[in-house]
Amino acid sequence: MGNRVVVGLMALAAILEGLLPEGTVPGNTLPLVLAVLGIVWGFMGVDAEDATAYLAVAIGVGMAGYSDALGNIPAVGGLLDGIIDAASIALYSGVASVLVMRTWNRVKG
């Protein structure tokens, strides 16, 4: 149940970040929320010892977002790129927590 809530909040924050014009939300609130939710998701929902699928998705989403692959779609491409960029913030934050968990598991034996 908690995993679904975190994923739902991540999706909502990514959509808002992608669709709202800059300056609507004060400061960097939504990227901060996405980063924190990504870290929480990484600890709760990803198995650090078998994170290959998660890491592949994170890399794929990040590359799609930063290459502006969806920007070629007329009228909505820029908005979709914004949503993908925001989702990659959350996914890359989860990668950081997977790194910490995997390192911790190796240290403690």
PDB file of N, CA and C in Angstrom:
ATOM      1  N   MET A   1       0.825  -1.193   0.000  1.00  0.00           N
ATOM      2  CA  MET A   1       0.000   0.000   0.000  1.00  0.00           C
ATOM      3  C   MET A   1       0.868   1.254   0.000  1.00  0.00           C
ATOM      4  N   GLY A   2       1.901   1.273   0.844  1.00  0.00           N
ATOM      5  CA  GLY A   2       2.766   2.446   0.915  1.00  0.00           C
ATOM      6  C   GLY A   2       3.507   2.696  -0.386  1.00  0.00           C
ATOM      7  N   ASN A   3       3.905   1.610  -1.067  1.00  0.00           N
ATOM      8  CA  ASN A   3       4.593   1.757  -2.347  1.00  0.00           C
ATOM      9  C   ASN A   3       3.708   2.429  -3.382  1.00  0.00           C
ATOM     10  N   ARG A   4       2.437   2.054  -3.405  1.00  0.00           N
ATOM     11  CA  ARG A   4       1.493   2.655  -4.359  1.00  0.00           C
ATOM     12  C   ARG A   4       1.298   4.138  -4.089  1.00  0.00           C
ATOM     13  N   VAL A   5       1.255   4.502  -2.836  1.00  0.00           N
ATOM     14  CA  VAL A   5       1.092   5.913  -2.481  1.00  0.00           C
ATOM     15  C   VAL A   5       2.301   6.712  -2.945  1.00  0.00           C
ATOM     16  N   VAL A   6       3.492   6.180  -2.701  1.00  0.00           N
ATOM     17  CA  VAL A   6       4.707   6.888  -3.102  1.00  0.00           C
ATOM     18  C   VAL A   6       4.771   7.020  -4.616  1.00  0.00           C
ATOM     19  N   VAL A   7       4.455   5.957  -5.340  1.00  0.00           N
ATOM     20  CA  VAL A   7       4.488   6.007  -6.799  1.00  0.00           C
ATOM     21  C   VAL A   7       3.423   6.972  -7.326  1.00  0.00           C
ATOM     22  N   GLY A   8       2.249   6.963  -6.725  1.00  0.00           N
ATOM     23  CA  GLY A   8       1.205   7.902  -7.126  1.00  0.00           C
ATOM     24  C   GLY A   8       1.603   9.342  -6.898  1.00  0.00           C
ATOM     25  N   LEU A   9       2.220   9.614  -5.755  1.00  0.00           N
ATOM     26  CA  LEU A   9       2.684  10.973  -5.479  1.00  0.00           C
ATOM     27  C   LEU A   9       3.810  11.375  -6.423  1.00  0.00           C
ATOM     28  N   MET A  10       4.688  10.429  -6.759  1.00  0.00           N
ATOM     29  CA  MET A  10       5.749  10.719  -7.713  1.00  0.00           C
ATOM     30  C   MET A  10       5.164  11.058  -9.083  1.00  0.00           C
ATOM     31  N   ALA A  11       4.185  10.292  -9.518  1.00  0.00           N
ATOM     32  CA  ALA A  11       3.564  10.546 -10.816  1.00  0.00           C
ATOM     33  C   ALA A  11       2.848  11.891 -10.820  1.00  0.00           C
ATOM     34  N   LEU A  12       2.133  12.191  -9.761  1.00  0.00           N
ATOM     35  CA  LEU A  12       1.429  13.471  -9.674  1.00  0.00           C
ATOM     36  C   LEU A  12       2.401  14.648  -9.684  1.00  0.00           C
ATOM     37  N   ALA A  13       3.472  14.544  -8.903  1.00  0.00           N
ATOM     38  CA  ALA A  13       4.458  15.621  -8.859  1.00  0.00           C
ATOM     39  C   ALA A  13       5.161  15.779 -10.204  1.00  0.00           C
ATOM     40  N   ALA A  14       5.457  14.674 -10.894  1.00  0.00           N
ATOM     41  CA  ALA A  14       6.104  14.750 -12.205  1.00  0.00           C
ATOM     42  C   ALA A  14       5.183  15.404 -13.226  1.00  0.00           C
ATOM     43  N   ILE A  15       3.907  15.057 -13.189  1.00  0.00           N
ATOM     44  CA  ILE A  15       2.948  15.670 -14.116  1.00  0.00           C
ATOM     45  C   ILE A  15       2.824  17.158 -13.840  1.00  0.00           C
ATOM     46  N   LEU A  16       2.716  17.526 -12.577  1.00  0.00           N
ATOM     47  CA  LEU A  16       2.628  18.952 -12.238  1.00  0.00           C
ATOM     48  C   LEU A  16       3.883  19.702 -12.650  1.00  0.00           C
ATOM     49  N   GLU A  17       5.050  19.111 -12.404  1.00  0.00           N
ATOM     50  CA  GLU A  17       6.311  19.750 -12.774  1.00  0.00           C
ATOM     51  C   GLU A  17       6.408  19.936 -14.281  1.00  0.00           C
ATOM     52  N   GLY A  18       5.907  18.953 -15.034  1.00  0.00           N
ATOM     53  CA  GLY A  18       5.978  19.034 -16.487  1.00  0.00           C
ATOM     54  C   GLY A  18       4.967  19.969 -17.102  1.00  0.00           C
ATOM     55  N   LEU A  19       3.805  20.103 -16.483  1.00  0.00           N
ATOM     56  CA  LEU A  19       2.730  20.888 -17.084  1.00  0.00           C
ATOM     57  C   LEU A  19       2.651  22.327 -16.594  1.00  0.00           C
ATOM     58  N   LEU A  20       3.018  22.573 -15.354  1.00  0.00           N
ATOM     59  CA  LEU A  20       2.899  23.933 -14.826  1.00  0.00           C
ATOM     60  C   LEU A  20       4.012  24.819 -15.379  1.00  0.00           C
ATOM     61  N   PRO A  21       3.678  26.049 -15.713  1.00  0.00           N
ATOM     62  CA  PRO A  21       4.733  26.959 -16.171  1.00  0.00           C
ATOM     63  C   PRO A  21       5.704  27.282 -15.045  1.00  0.00           C
ATOM     64  N   GLU A  22       6.949  27.602 -15.422  1.00  0.00           N
ATOM     65  CA  GLU A  22       7.958  27.925 -14.413  1.00  0.00           C
ATOM     66  C   GLU A  22       7.511  29.119 -13.585  1.00  0.00           C
ATOM     67  N   GLY A  23       7.791  29.060 -12.313  1.00  0.00           N
ATOM     68  CA  GLY A  23       7.422  30.146 -11.418  1.00  0.00           C
ATOM     69  C   GLY A  23       6.068  29.972 -10.759  1.00  0.00           C
ATOM     70  N   THR A  24       5.283  28.958 -11.175  1.00  0.00           N
ATOM     71  CA  THR A  24       3.977  28.731 -10.567  1.00  0.00           C
ATOM     72  C   THR A  24       4.133  28.229  -9.139  1.00  0.00           C
ATOM     73  N   VAL A  25       5.020  27.270  -8.956  1.00  0.00           N
ATOM     74  CA  VAL A  25       5.311  26.736  -7.628  1.00  0.00           C
ATOM     75  C   VAL A  25       6.575  27.433  -7.138  1.00  0.00           C
ATOM     76  N   PRO A  26       6.528  28.030  -5.952  1.00  0.00           N
ATOM     77  CA  PRO A  26       7.689  28.805  -5.493  1.00  0.00           C
ATOM     78  C   PRO A  26       8.942  27.962  -5.284  1.00  0.00           C
ATOM     79  N   GLY A  27      10.060  28.558  -5.692  1.00  0.00           N
ATOM     80  CA  GLY A  27      11.347  27.893  -5.491  1.00  0.00           C
ATOM     81  C   GLY A  27      11.455  26.603  -6.275  1.00  0.00           C
ATOM     82  N   ASN A  28      12.227  25.695  -5.770  1.00  0.00           N
ATOM     83  CA  ASN A  28      12.388  24.372  -6.382  1.00  0.00           C
ATOM     84  C   ASN A  28      11.634  23.331  -5.574  1.00  0.00           C
ATOM     85  N   THR A  29      10.405  23.622  -5.230  1.00  0.00           N
ATOM     86  CA  THR A  29       9.644  22.741  -4.357  1.00  0.00           C
ATOM     87  C   THR A  29       9.354  21.391  -5.006  1.00  0.00           C
ATOM     88  N   LEU A  30       8.842  21.393  -6.233  1.00  0.00           N
ATOM     89  CA  LEU A  30       8.482  20.120  -6.860  1.00  0.00           C
ATOM     90  C   LEU A  30       9.693  19.244  -7.159  1.00  0.00           C
ATOM     91  N   PRO A  31      10.804  19.780  -7.673  1.00  0.00           N
ATOM     92  CA  PRO A  31      11.972  18.902  -7.826  1.00  0.00           C
ATOM     93  C   PRO A  31      12.467  18.340  -6.497  1.00  0.00           C
ATOM     94  N   LEU A  32      12.382  19.125  -5.431  1.00  0.00           N
ATOM     95  CA  LEU A  32      12.771  18.624  -4.117  1.00  0.00           C
ATOM     96  C   LEU A  32      11.843  17.503  -3.679  1.00  0.00           C
ATOM     97  N   VAL A  33      10.551  17.679  -3.877  1.00  0.00           N
ATOM     98  CA  VAL A  33       9.571  16.642  -3.531  1.00  0.00           C
ATOM     99  C   VAL A  33       9.843  15.379  -4.345  1.00  0.00           C
ATOM    100  N   LEU A  34      10.130  15.545  -5.640  1.00  0.00           N
ATOM    101  CA  LEU A  34      10.431  14.392  -6.484  1.00  0.00           C
ATOM    102  C   LEU A  34      11.681  13.655  -6.009  1.00  0.00           C
ATOM    103  N   ALA A  35      12.700  14.411  -5.625  1.00  0.00           N
ATOM    104  CA  ALA A  35      13.933  13.780  -5.152  1.00  0.00           C
ATOM    105  C   ALA A  35      13.692  13.000  -3.861  1.00  0.00           C
ATOM    106  N   VAL A  36      12.962  13.586  -2.935  1.00  0.00           N
ATOM    107  CA  VAL A  36      12.684  12.903  -1.663  1.00  0.00           C
ATOM    108  C   VAL A  36      11.820  11.664  -1.896  1.00  0.00           C
ATOM    109  N   LEU A  37      10.791  11.791  -2.744  1.00  0.00           N
ATOM    110  CA  LEU A  37       9.947  10.629  -3.041  1.00  0.00           C
ATOM    111  C   LEU A  37      10.743   9.535  -3.744  1.00  0.00           C
ATOM    112  N   GLY A  38      11.668   9.920  -4.611  1.00  0.00           N
ATOM    113  CA  GLY A  38      12.515   8.927  -5.274  1.00  0.00           C
ATOM    114  C   GLY A  38      13.395   8.187  -4.293  1.00  0.00           C
ATOM    115  N   ILE A  39      13.950   8.910  -3.328  1.00  0.00           N
ATOM    116  CA  ILE A  39      14.772   8.268  -2.302  1.00  0.00           C
ATOM    117  C   ILE A  39      13.934   7.305  -1.468  1.00  0.00           C
ATOM    118  N   VAL A  40      12.743   7.743  -1.088  1.00  0.00           N
ATOM    119  CA  VAL A  40      11.845   6.878  -0.308  1.00  0.00           C
ATOM    120  C   VAL A  40      11.472   5.637  -1.117  1.00  0.00           C
ATOM    121  N   TRP A  41      11.144   5.833  -2.393  1.00  0.00           N
ATOM    122  CA  TRP A  41      10.784   4.701  -3.244  1.00  0.00           C
ATOM    123  C   TRP A  41      11.953   3.734  -3.388  1.00  0.00           C
ATOM    124  N   GLY A  42      13.163   4.269  -3.530  1.00  0.00           N
ATOM    125  CA  GLY A  42      14.333   3.417  -3.644  1.00  0.00           C
ATOM    126  C   GLY A  42      14.522   2.537  -2.428  1.00  0.00           C
ATOM    127  N   PHE A  43      14.272   3.068  -1.243  1.00  0.00           N
ATOM    128  CA  PHE A  43      14.399   2.264  -0.024  1.00  0.00           C
ATOM    129  C   PHE A  43      13.247   1.287   0.148  1.00  0.00           C
ATOM    130  N   MET A  44      12.039   1.703  -0.230  1.00  0.00           N
ATOM    131  CA  MET A  44      10.858   0.874   0.018  1.00  0.00           C
ATOM    132  C   MET A  44      10.604  -0.168  -1.065  1.00  0.00           C
ATOM    133  N   GLY A  45      10.774   0.229  -2.317  1.00  0.00           N
ATOM    134  CA  GLY A  45      10.251  -0.608  -3.388  1.00  0.00           C
ATOM    135  C   GLY A  45      11.267  -1.305  -4.269  1.00  0.00           C
ATOM    136  N   VAL A  46      12.554  -1.074  -4.039  1.00  0.00           N
ATOM    137  CA  VAL A  46      13.561  -1.667  -4.916  1.00  0.00           C
ATOM    138  C   VAL A  46      14.434  -2.605  -4.108  1.00  0.00           C
ATOM    139  N   ASP A  47      14.619  -3.811  -4.630  1.00  0.00           N
ATOM    140  CA  ASP A  47      15.524  -4.763  -4.009  1.00  0.00           C
ATOM    141  C   ASP A  47      16.941  -4.395  -4.428  1.00  0.00           C
ATOM    142  N   ALA A  48      17.748  -3.975  -3.490  1.00  0.00           N
ATOM    143  CA  ALA A  48      19.091  -3.486  -3.798  1.00  0.00           C
ATOM    144  C   ALA A  48      19.977  -4.561  -4.404  1.00  0.00           C
ATOM    145  N   GLU A  49      19.732  -5.800  -4.084  1.00  0.00           N
ATOM    146  CA  GLU A  49      20.565  -6.882  -4.610  1.00  0.00           C
ATOM    147  C   GLU A  49      20.139  -7.332  -6.002  1.00  0.00           C
ATOM    148  N   ASP A  50      18.966  -6.942  -6.441  1.00  0.00           N
ATOM    149  CA  ASP A  50      18.488  -7.297  -7.779  1.00  0.00           C
ATOM    150  C   ASP A  50      17.806  -6.083  -8.394  1.00  0.00           C
ATOM    151  N   ALA A  51      18.556  -5.041  -8.592  1.00  0.00           N
ATOM    152  CA  ALA A  51      17.998  -3.773  -9.053  1.00  0.00           C
ATOM    153  C   ALA A  51      18.242  -3.521 -10.536  1.00  0.00           C
ATOM    154  N   THR A  52      18.593  -4.549 -11.287  1.00  0.00           N
ATOM    155  CA  THR A  52      18.946  -4.374 -12.689  1.00  0.00           C
ATOM    156  C   THR A  52      17.796  -3.774 -13.493  1.00  0.00           C
ATOM    157  N   ALA A  53      16.597  -4.283 -13.333  1.00  0.00           N
ATOM    158  CA  ALA A  53      15.454  -3.774 -14.092  1.00  0.00           C
ATOM    159  C   ALA A  53      15.175  -2.322 -13.737  1.00  0.00           C
ATOM    160  N   TYR A  54      15.221  -2.001 -12.447  1.00  0.00           N
ATOM    161  CA  TYR A  54      14.988  -0.622 -12.022  1.00  0.00           C
ATOM    162  C   TYR A  54      16.048   0.316 -12.591  1.00  0.00           C
ATOM    163  N   LEU A  55      17.298  -0.106 -12.543  1.00  0.00           N
ATOM    164  CA  LEU A  55      18.377   0.733 -13.049  1.00  0.00           C
ATOM    165  C   LEU A  55      18.259   0.923 -14.556  1.00  0.00           C
ATOM    166  N   ALA A  56      17.847  -0.101 -15.285  1.00  0.00           N
ATOM    167  CA  ALA A  56      17.665   0.013 -16.733  1.00  0.00           C
ATOM    168  C   ALA A  56      16.540   1.000 -17.061  1.00  0.00           C
ATOM    169  N   VAL A  57      15.450   0.934 -16.308  1.00  0.00           N
ATOM    170  CA  VAL A  57      14.346   1.874 -16.524  1.00  0.00           C
ATOM    171  C   VAL A  57      14.791   3.299 -16.205  1.00  0.00           C
ATOM    172  N   ALA A  58      15.525   3.478 -15.122  1.00  0.00           N
ATOM    173  CA  ALA A  58      16.004   4.808 -14.751  1.00  0.00           C
ATOM    174  C   ALA A  58      16.897   5.382 -15.840  1.00  0.00           C
ATOM    175  N   ILE A  59      17.803   4.578 -16.371  1.00  0.00           N
ATOM    176  CA  ILE A  59      18.682   5.049 -17.437  1.00  0.00           C
ATOM    177  C   ILE A  59      17.879   5.369 -18.697  1.00  0.00           C
ATOM    178  N   GLY A  60      16.935   4.508 -19.047  1.00  0.00           N
ATOM    179  CA  GLY A  60      16.119   4.739 -20.237  1.00  0.00           C
ATOM    180  C   GLY A  60      15.274   5.998 -20.149  1.00  0.00           C
ATOM    181  N   VAL A  61      14.625   6.194 -19.017  1.00  0.00           N
ATOM    182  CA  VAL A  61      13.793   7.392 -18.838  1.00  0.00           C
ATOM    183  C   VAL A  61      14.667   8.639 -18.829  1.00  0.00           C
ATOM    184  N   GLY A  62      15.806   8.558 -18.163  1.00  0.00           N
ATOM    185  CA  GLY A  62      16.711   9.699 -18.130  1.00  0.00           C
ATOM    186  C   GLY A  62      17.216  10.070 -19.503  1.00  0.00           C
ATOM    187  N   MET A  63      17.588   9.081 -20.294  1.00  0.00           N
ATOM    188  CA  MET A  63      18.076   9.359 -21.650  1.00  0.00           C
ATOM    189  C   MET A  63      16.968   9.909 -22.540  1.00  0.00           C
ATOM    190  N   ALA A  64      15.763   9.375 -22.402  1.00  0.00           N
ATOM    191  CA  ALA A  64      14.645   9.891 -23.197  1.00  0.00           C
ATOM    192  C   ALA A  64      14.325  11.334 -22.816  1.00  0.00           C
ATOM    193  N   GLY A  65      14.412  11.627 -21.533  1.00  0.00           N
ATOM    194  CA  GLY A  65      14.111  12.986 -21.090  1.00  0.00           C
ATOM    195  C   GLY A  65      15.164  13.986 -21.514  1.00  0.00           C
ATOM    196  N   TYR A  66      16.421  13.649 -21.327  1.00  0.00           N
ATOM    197  CA  TYR A  66      17.485  14.596 -21.614  1.00  0.00           C
ATOM    198  C   TYR A  66      17.802  14.720 -23.096  1.00  0.00           C
ATOM    199  N   SER A  67      17.347  13.782 -23.907  1.00  0.00           N
ATOM    200  CA  SER A  67      17.556  13.914 -25.350  1.00  0.00           C
ATOM    201  C   SER A  67      16.398  14.642 -26.020  1.00  0.00           C
ATOM    202  N   ASP A  68      15.377  14.989 -25.254  1.00  0.00           N
ATOM    203  CA  ASP A  68      14.177  15.651 -25.779  1.00  0.00           C
ATOM    204  C   ASP A  68      13.555  14.847 -26.916  1.00  0.00           C
ATOM    205  N   ALA A  69      13.474  13.557 -26.737  1.00  0.00           N
ATOM    206  CA  ALA A  69      12.962  12.666 -27.777  1.00  0.00           C
ATOM    207  C   ALA A  69      11.505  12.955 -28.115  1.00  0.00           C
ATOM    208  N   LEU A  70      10.720  13.339 -27.119  1.00  0.00           N
ATOM    209  CA  LEU A  70       9.302  13.588 -27.369  1.00  0.00           C
ATOM    210  C   LEU A  70       9.024  15.006 -27.844  1.00  0.00           C
ATOM    211  N   GLY A  71      10.045  15.848 -27.875  1.00  0.00           N
ATOM    212  CA  GLY A  71       9.871  17.241 -28.293  1.00  0.00           C
ATOM    213  C   GLY A  71       9.478  17.393 -29.745  1.00  0.00           C
ATOM    214  N   ASN A  72       9.612  16.345 -30.534  1.00  0.00           N
ATOM    215  CA  ASN A  72       9.260  16.406 -31.950  1.00  0.00           C
ATOM    216  C   ASN A  72       7.768  16.232 -32.209  1.00  0.00           C
ATOM    217  N   ILE A  73       7.021  15.900 -31.184  1.00  0.00           N
ATOM    218  CA  ILE A  73       5.568  15.767 -31.335  1.00  0.00           C
ATOM    219  C   ILE A  73       4.972  17.173 -31.287  1.00  0.00           C
ATOM    220  N   PRO A  74       4.252  17.575 -32.327  1.00  0.00           N
ATOM    221  CA  PRO A  74       3.701  18.933 -32.343  1.00  0.00           C
ATOM    222  C   PRO A  74       2.723  19.167 -31.186  1.00  0.00           C
ATOM    223  N   ALA A  75       2.763  20.353 -30.643  1.00  0.00           N
ATOM    224  CA  ALA A  75       1.844  20.881 -29.632  1.00  0.00           C
ATOM    225  C   ALA A  75       2.042  20.301 -28.236  1.00  0.00           C
ATOM    226  N   VAL A  76       2.258  19.018 -28.084  1.00  0.00           N
ATOM    227  CA  VAL A  76       2.348  18.434 -26.749  1.00  0.00           C
ATOM    228  C   VAL A  76       3.722  17.873 -26.421  1.00  0.00           C
ATOM    229  N   GLY A  77       4.626  17.862 -27.368  1.00  0.00           N
ATOM    230  CA  GLY A  77       5.930  17.261 -27.155  1.00  0.00           C
ATOM    231  C   GLY A  77       6.721  17.898 -26.036  1.00  0.00           C
ATOM    232  N   GLY A  78       6.694  19.214 -25.966  1.00  0.00           N
ATOM    233  CA  GLY A  78       7.415  19.905 -24.903  1.00  0.00           C
ATOM    234  C   GLY A  78       6.868  19.578 -23.529  1.00  0.00           C
ATOM    235  N   LEU A  79       5.558  19.469 -23.426  1.00  0.00           N
ATOM    236  CA  LEU A  79       4.934  19.123 -22.149  1.00  0.00           C
ATOM    237  C   LEU A  79       5.290  17.691 -21.743  1.00  0.00           C
ATOM    238  N   LEU A  80       5.258  16.782 -22.690  1.00  0.00           N
ATOM    239  CA  LEU A  80       5.615  15.395 -22.393  1.00  0.00           C
ATOM    240  C   LEU A  80       7.084  15.285 -21.987  1.00  0.00           C
ATOM    241  N   ASP A  81       7.940  16.062 -22.652  1.00  0.00           N
ATOM    242  CA  ASP A  81       9.354  16.071 -22.272  1.00  0.00           C
ATOM    243  C   ASP A  81       9.539  16.577 -20.846  1.00  0.00           C
ATOM    244  N   GLY A  82       8.753  17.583 -20.462  1.00  0.00           N
ATOM    245  CA  GLY A  82       8.838  18.093 -19.090  1.00  0.00           C
ATOM    246  C   GLY A  82       8.442  17.048 -18.073  1.00  0.00           C
ATOM    247  N   ILE A  83       7.416  16.270 -18.389  1.00  0.00           N
ATOM    248  CA  ILE A  83       6.972  15.213 -17.477  1.00  0.00           C
ATOM    249  C   ILE A  83       8.038  14.124 -17.371  1.00  0.00           C
ATOM    250  N   ILE A  84       8.615  13.736 -18.496  1.00  0.00           N
ATOM    251  CA  ILE A  84       9.661  12.709 -18.489  1.00  0.00           C
ATOM    252  C   ILE A  84      10.889  13.204 -17.729  1.00  0.00           C
ATOM    253  N   ASP A  85      11.254  14.471 -17.922  1.00  0.00           N
ATOM    254  CA  ASP A  85      12.393  15.038 -17.182  1.00  0.00           C
ATOM    255  C   ASP A  85      12.152  14.975 -15.677  1.00  0.00           C
ATOM    256  N   ALA A  86      10.939  15.331 -15.265  1.00  0.00           N
ATOM    257  CA  ALA A  86      10.614  15.307 -13.842  1.00  0.00           C
ATOM    258  C   ALA A  86      10.610  13.876 -13.300  1.00  0.00           C
ATOM    259  N   ALA A  87      10.110  12.929 -14.080  1.00  0.00           N
ATOM    260  CA  ALA A  87      10.112  11.532 -13.640  1.00  0.00           C
ATOM    261  C   ALA A  87      11.543  11.021 -13.485  1.00  0.00           C
ATOM    262  N   SER A  88      12.441  11.508 -14.343  1.00  0.00           N
ATOM    263  CA  SER A  88      13.834  11.055 -14.236  1.00  0.00           C
ATOM    264  C   SER A  88      14.490  11.566 -12.958  1.00  0.00           C
ATOM    265  N   ILE A  89      14.045  12.704 -12.441  1.00  0.00           N
ATOM    266  CA  ILE A  89      14.558  13.196 -11.161  1.00  0.00           C
ATOM    267  C   ILE A  89      14.258  12.178 -10.066  1.00  0.00           C
ATOM    268  N   ALA A  90      13.019  11.715 -10.028  1.00  0.00           N
ATOM    269  CA  ALA A  90      12.622  10.747  -9.008  1.00  0.00           C
ATOM    270  C   ALA A  90      13.357   9.417  -9.189  1.00  0.00           C
ATOM    271  N   LEU A  91      13.483   8.961 -10.429  1.00  0.00           N
ATOM    272  CA  LEU A  91      14.145   7.683 -10.667  1.00  0.00           C
ATOM    273  C   LEU A  91      15.626   7.744 -10.325  1.00  0.00           C
ATOM    274  N   TYR A  92      16.294   8.822 -10.685  1.00  0.00           N
ATOM    275  CA  TYR A  92      17.721   8.940 -10.362  1.00  0.00           C
ATOM    276  C   TYR A  92      17.940   9.079  -8.857  1.00  0.00           C
ATOM    277  N   SER A  93      17.015   9.697  -8.154  1.00  0.00           N
ATOM    278  CA  SER A  93      17.121   9.752  -6.693  1.00  0.00           C
ATOM    279  C   SER A  93      17.005   8.356  -6.104  1.00  0.00           C
ATOM    280  N   GLY A  94      16.132   7.536  -6.675  1.00  0.00           N
ATOM    281  CA  GLY A  94      16.009   6.155  -6.238  1.00  0.00           C
ATOM    282  C   GLY A  94      17.283   5.366  -6.495  1.00  0.00           C
ATOM    283  N   VAL A  95      17.982   5.684  -7.585  1.00  0.00           N
ATOM    284  CA  VAL A  95      19.258   5.024  -7.872  1.00  0.00           C
ATOM    285  C   VAL A  95      20.260   5.322  -6.762  1.00  0.00           C
ATOM    286  N   ALA A  96      20.251   6.551  -6.278  1.00  0.00           N
ATOM    287  CA  ALA A  96      21.165   6.905  -5.187  1.00  0.00           C
ATOM    288  C   ALA A  96      20.865   6.086  -3.935  1.00  0.00           C
ATOM    289  N   SER A  97      19.596   5.888  -3.630  1.00  0.00           N
ATOM    290  CA  SER A  97      19.277   5.104  -2.436  1.00  0.00           C
ATOM    291  C   SER A  97      19.607   3.623  -2.645  1.00  0.00           C
ATOM    292  N   VAL A  98      19.479   3.121  -3.873  1.00  0.00           N
ATOM    293  CA  VAL A  98      19.889   1.738  -4.153  1.00  0.00           C
ATOM    294  C   VAL A  98      21.387   1.603  -3.942  1.00  0.00           C
ATOM    295  N   LEU A  99      22.153   2.593  -4.371  1.00  0.00           N
ATOM    296  CA  LEU A  99      23.599   2.573  -4.156  1.00  0.00           C
ATOM    297  C   LEU A  99      23.936   2.521  -2.668  1.00  0.00           C
ATOM    298  N   VAL A 100      23.267   3.328  -1.881  1.00  0.00           N
ATOM    299  CA  VAL A 100      23.518   3.347  -0.439  1.00  0.00           C
ATOM    300  C   VAL A 100      23.150   2.005   0.187  1.00  0.00           C
ATOM    301  N   MET A 101      21.985   1.463  -0.171  1.00  0.00           N
ATOM    302  CA  MET A 101      21.570   0.181   0.407  1.00  0.00           C
ATOM    303  C   MET A 101      22.512  -0.947   0.005  1.00  0.00           C
ATOM    304  N   ARG A 102      22.921  -0.963  -1.250  1.00  0.00           N
ATOM    305  CA  ARG A 102      23.814  -2.031  -1.704  1.00  0.00           C
ATOM    306  C   ARG A 102      25.178  -1.929  -1.029  1.00  0.00           C
ATOM    307  N   THR A 103      25.676  -0.709  -0.868  1.00  0.00           N
ATOM    308  CA  THR A 103      26.936  -0.517  -0.176  1.00  0.00           C
ATOM    309  C   THR A 103      26.823  -0.938   1.274  1.00  0.00           C
ATOM    310  N   TRP A 104      25.729  -0.576   1.913  1.00  0.00           N
ATOM    311  CA  TRP A 104      25.515  -0.951   3.308  1.00  0.00           C
ATOM    312  C   TRP A 104      25.462  -2.470   3.457  1.00  0.00           C
ATOM    313  N   ASN A 105      24.784  -3.150   2.529  1.00  0.00           N
ATOM    314  CA  ASN A 105      24.717  -4.610   2.595  1.00  0.00           C
ATOM    315  C   ASN A 105      26.089  -5.245   2.443  1.00  0.00           C
ATOM    316  N   ARG A 106      26.937  -4.654   1.620  1.00  0.00           N
ATOM    317  CA  ARG A 106      28.295  -5.188   1.431  1.00  0.00           C
ATOM    318  C   ARG A 106      29.157  -4.950   2.666  1.00  0.00           C
ATOM    319  N   VAL A 107      28.984  -3.792   3.306  1.00  0.00           N
ATOM    320  CA  VAL A 107      29.800  -3.453   4.483  1.00  0.00           C
ATOM    321  C   VAL A 107      29.444  -4.352   5.659  1.00  0.00           C
ATOM    322  N   LYS A 108      28.146  -4.544   5.884  1.00  0.00           N
ATOM    323  CA  LYS A 108      27.757  -5.336   7.050  1.00  0.00           C
ATOM    324  C   LYS A 108      27.915  -6.837   6.828  1.00  0.00           C
ATOM    325  N   GLY A 109      28.141  -7.227   5.576  1.00  0.00           N
ATOM    326  CA  GLY A 109      28.456  -8.632   5.326  1.00  0.00           C
ATOM    327  C   GLY A 109      27.280  -9.390   4.954  1.00  0.00           C
TER     328      GLY A 109
END
